[in-house]
């Protein structure tokens, strides 16, 4: 799973969504920024919504408040993402059940950068 759509990706280098995505790019992952307020982040085309992405997405990585998680998870299911990852501090009881019902790998309240470093460094 090498293609990651990052929902809520920020153009600000100090934001976790930005530096985590940059780390993943530097480790061979294809990052697709999703932020309706941006045209480009890290030199990559930015999409307004997951549904606008016209190719396969392996992981939907969410950097939005928990209040927004459920609709994002619904959209991730609709595009047939293989996994959904909610970053530190983000949880969704309803979203977790939806992912389970659709046989989608689901991780919440965890950092992909920290996990990647633990596994590969």
C-alpha atoms as a PDB file:
ATOM      1  CA  UNK A   1       0.000   0.000   0.000  1.00  0.00           C
ATOM      2  CA  UNK A   2       1.935   2.943  -1.325  1.00  0.00           C
ATOM      3  CA  UNK A   3      -0.676   5.539  -2.381  1.00  0.00           C
ATOM      4  CA  UNK A   4      -1.929   7.711   0.473  1.00  0.00           C
ATOM      5  CA  UNK A   5      -4.596  10.413   0.207  1.00  0.00           C
ATOM      6  CA  UNK A   6      -4.015  12.895   3.040  1.00  0.00           C
ATOM      7  CA  UNK A   7      -7.278  14.591   4.025  1.00  0.00           C
ATOM      8  CA  UNK A   8      -6.663  17.920   5.718  1.00  0.00           C
ATOM      9  CA  UNK A   9      -3.101  18.310   4.478  1.00  0.00           C
ATOM     10  CA  UNK A  10      -1.691  21.741   5.307  1.00  0.00           C
ATOM     11  CA  UNK A  11       0.736  23.842   3.263  1.00  0.00           C
ATOM     12  CA  UNK A  12       2.345  24.983   6.553  1.00  0.00           C
ATOM     13  CA  UNK A  13       5.603  23.073   7.214  1.00  0.00           C
ATOM     14  CA  UNK A  14       5.100  23.153  10.992  1.00  0.00           C
ATOM     15  CA  UNK A  15       1.769  21.298  10.795  1.00  0.00           C
ATOM     16  CA  UNK A  16       1.824  17.512  11.382  1.00  0.00           C
ATOM     17  CA  UNK A  17      -0.116  16.821   8.170  1.00  0.00           C
ATOM     18  CA  UNK A  18       2.654  18.557   6.227  1.00  0.00           C
ATOM     19  CA  UNK A  19       5.762  17.089   7.854  1.00  0.00           C
ATOM     20  CA  UNK A  20       4.288  13.584   8.175  1.00  0.00           C
ATOM     21  CA  UNK A  21       3.392  13.639   4.462  1.00  0.00           C
ATOM     22  CA  UNK A  22       6.852  14.920   3.545  1.00  0.00           C
ATOM     23  CA  UNK A  23       8.403  12.091   5.592  1.00  0.00           C
ATOM     24  CA  UNK A  24       6.239   9.528   3.777  1.00  0.00           C
ATOM     25  CA  UNK A  25       7.218  10.973   0.367  1.00  0.00           C
ATOM     26  CA  UNK A  26      10.875  10.705   1.375  1.00  0.00           C
ATOM     27  CA  UNK A  27      10.244   7.045   2.196  1.00  0.00           C
ATOM     28  CA  UNK A  28       8.797   6.138  -1.200  1.00  0.00           C
ATOM     29  CA  UNK A  29       5.074   6.722  -0.748  1.00  0.00           C
ATOM     30  CA  UNK A  30       2.865   8.540  -3.234  1.00  0.00           C
ATOM     31  CA  UNK A  31       1.006  11.303  -1.393  1.00  0.00           C
ATOM     32  CA  UNK A  32      -2.202  12.879  -2.679  1.00  0.00           C
ATOM     33  CA  UNK A  33      -3.093  16.090  -0.809  1.00  0.00           C
ATOM     34  CA  UNK A  34      -6.799  16.642  -0.118  1.00  0.00           C
ATOM     35  CA  UNK A  35      -7.679  20.172   0.975  1.00  0.00           C
ATOM     36  CA  UNK A  36     -10.392  22.243  -0.744  1.00  0.00           C
ATOM     37  CA  UNK A  37      -8.601  25.490   0.136  1.00  0.00           C
ATOM     38  CA  UNK A  38      -5.388  24.667  -1.726  1.00  0.00           C
ATOM     39  CA  UNK A  39      -4.354  24.097  -5.346  1.00  0.00           C
ATOM     40  CA  UNK A  40      -0.940  22.558  -4.590  1.00  0.00           C
ATOM     41  CA  UNK A  41       1.017  21.381  -1.540  1.00  0.00           C
ATOM     42  CA  UNK A  42       4.637  20.166  -1.624  1.00  0.00           C
ATOM     43  CA  UNK A  43       4.523  20.595  -5.392  1.00  0.00           C
ATOM     44  CA  UNK A  44       1.649  18.101  -5.643  1.00  0.00           C
ATOM     45  CA  UNK A  45      -1.799  18.765  -7.080  1.00  0.00           C
ATOM     46  CA  UNK A  46      -4.285  19.191  -4.264  1.00  0.00           C
ATOM     47  CA  UNK A  47      -7.792  17.734  -4.570  1.00  0.00           C
ATOM     48  CA  UNK A  48     -10.926  19.223  -3.030  1.00  0.00           C
ATOM     49  CA  UNK A  49     -12.372  15.854  -2.019  1.00  0.00           C
ATOM     50  CA  UNK A  50     -11.520  12.156  -2.151  1.00  0.00           C
ATOM     51  CA  UNK A  51     -14.165  11.623  -4.843  1.00  0.00           C
ATOM     52  CA  UNK A  52     -12.211  13.927  -7.172  1.00  0.00           C
ATOM     53  CA  UNK A  53      -9.206  11.580  -7.244  1.00  0.00           C
ATOM     54  CA  UNK A  54      -9.400   9.541 -10.449  1.00  0.00           C
ATOM     55  CA  UNK A  55      -7.066   6.683  -9.545  1.00  0.00           C
ATOM     56  CA  UNK A  56      -6.778   4.043  -6.850  1.00  0.00           C
ATOM     57  CA  UNK A  57      -6.086   5.147  -3.278  1.00  0.00           C
ATOM     58  CA  UNK A  58      -4.644   2.586  -0.885  1.00  0.00           C
ATOM     59  CA  UNK A  59      -4.856   4.539   2.372  1.00  0.00           C
ATOM     60  CA  UNK A  60      -6.956   7.531   3.373  1.00  0.00           C
ATOM     61  CA  UNK A  61      -4.974   9.340   6.085  1.00  0.00           C
ATOM     62  CA  UNK A  62      -7.127  11.780   8.059  1.00  0.00           C
ATOM     63  CA  UNK A  63      -5.829  14.962   9.705  1.00  0.00           C
ATOM     64  CA  UNK A  64      -9.219  16.504  10.508  1.00  0.00           C
ATOM     65  CA  UNK A  65     -11.035  16.887  13.815  1.00  0.00           C
ATOM     66  CA  UNK A  66     -12.949  13.806  15.009  1.00  0.00           C
ATOM     67  CA  UNK A  67     -16.225  15.648  14.279  1.00  0.00           C
ATOM     68  CA  UNK A  68     -15.435  15.362  10.547  1.00  0.00           C
ATOM     69  CA  UNK A  69     -14.195  11.771  10.580  1.00  0.00           C
ATOM     70  CA  UNK A  70     -17.452   9.929   9.826  1.00  0.00           C
ATOM     71  CA  UNK A  71     -18.246  11.700   6.522  1.00  0.00           C
ATOM     72  CA  UNK A  72     -14.607  11.335   5.449  1.00  0.00           C
ATOM     73  CA  UNK A  73     -14.771   7.614   6.236  1.00  0.00           C
ATOM     74  CA  UNK A  74     -17.991   7.334   4.204  1.00  0.00           C
ATOM     75  CA  UNK A  75     -16.201   8.955   1.276  1.00  0.00           C
ATOM     76  CA  UNK A  76     -13.170   6.665   1.749  1.00  0.00           C
ATOM     77  CA  UNK A  77     -15.496   3.663   1.557  1.00  0.00           C
ATOM     78  CA  UNK A  78     -17.144   5.048  -1.591  1.00  0.00           C
ATOM     79  CA  UNK A  79     -13.770   5.311  -3.379  1.00  0.00           C
ATOM     80  CA  UNK A  80     -12.870   1.780  -2.245  1.00  0.00           C
ATOM     81  CA  UNK A  81      -9.837   2.721  -0.160  1.00  0.00           C
ATOM     82  CA  UNK A  82      -8.093  -0.330   1.306  1.00  0.00           C
ATOM     83  CA  UNK A  83      -7.323   1.326   4.646  1.00  0.00           C
ATOM     84  CA  UNK A  84      -8.324   4.326   6.738  1.00  0.00           C
ATOM     85  CA  UNK A  85      -5.864   5.890   9.175  1.00  0.00           C
ATOM     86  CA  UNK A  86      -6.947   8.565  11.662  1.00  0.00           C
ATOM     87  CA  UNK A  87      -3.993  10.487  13.077  1.00  0.00           C
ATOM     88  CA  UNK A  88      -3.267  11.010  16.798  1.00  0.00           C
ATOM     89  CA  UNK A  89      -6.275  12.337  18.705  1.00  0.00           C
ATOM     90  CA  UNK A  90      -8.798  11.463  15.990  1.00  0.00           C
ATOM     91  CA  UNK A  91     -11.410   8.783  16.683  1.00  0.00           C
ATOM     92  CA  UNK A  92     -14.798   7.757  15.315  1.00  0.00           C
ATOM     93  CA  UNK A  93     -16.888   4.990  16.879  1.00  0.00           C
ATOM     94  CA  UNK A  94     -19.323   5.092  13.951  1.00  0.00           C
ATOM     95  CA  UNK A  95     -16.506   5.230  11.395  1.00  0.00           C
ATOM     96  CA  UNK A  96     -14.759   2.263  12.980  1.00  0.00           C
ATOM     97  CA  UNK A  97     -17.917   0.177  12.617  1.00  0.00           C
ATOM     98  CA  UNK A  98     -18.444   1.350   9.028  1.00  0.00           C
ATOM     99  CA  UNK A  99     -14.892   0.320   8.124  1.00  0.00           C
ATOM    100  CA  UNK A 100     -15.368  -3.059   9.807  1.00  0.00           C
ATOM    101  CA  UNK A 101     -18.670  -3.611   7.955  1.00  0.00           C
ATOM    102  CA  UNK A 102     -16.853  -2.925   4.666  1.00  0.00           C
ATOM    103  CA  UNK A 103     -13.742  -5.026   5.428  1.00  0.00           C
ATOM    104  CA  UNK A 104     -11.476  -1.988   5.390  1.00  0.00           C
ATOM    105  CA  UNK A 105      -8.368  -1.826   7.567  1.00  0.00           C
ATOM    106  CA  UNK A 106      -8.990   0.837  10.208  1.00  0.00           C
ATOM    107  CA  UNK A 107      -6.530   2.567  12.522  1.00  0.00           C
ATOM    108  CA  UNK A 108      -7.375   5.514  14.739  1.00  0.00           C
ATOM    109  CA  UNK A 109      -5.600   7.742  17.235  1.00  0.00           C
ATOM    110  CA  UNK A 110      -2.142   6.758  15.988  1.00  0.00           C
ATOM    111  CA  UNK A 111       0.698   8.371  14.039  1.00  0.00           C
ATOM    112  CA  UNK A 112       1.780   6.803  10.750  1.00  0.00           C
ATOM    113  CA  UNK A 113       5.215   8.472  10.962  1.00  0.00           C
ATOM    114  CA  UNK A 114       5.855   7.044  14.419  1.00  0.00           C
ATOM    115  CA  UNK A 115       4.706   3.566  13.326  1.00  0.00           C
ATOM    116  CA  UNK A 116       6.781   3.687  10.146  1.00  0.00           C
ATOM    117  CA  UNK A 117       9.908   4.681  12.071  1.00  0.00           C
ATOM    118  CA  UNK A 118       9.333   1.911  14.589  1.00  0.00           C
ATOM    119  CA  UNK A 119       9.015  -0.672  11.813  1.00  0.00           C
ATOM    120  CA  UNK A 120      11.683   0.499   9.370  1.00  0.00           C
ATOM    121  CA  UNK A 121      14.328   2.545  11.171  1.00  0.00           C
END
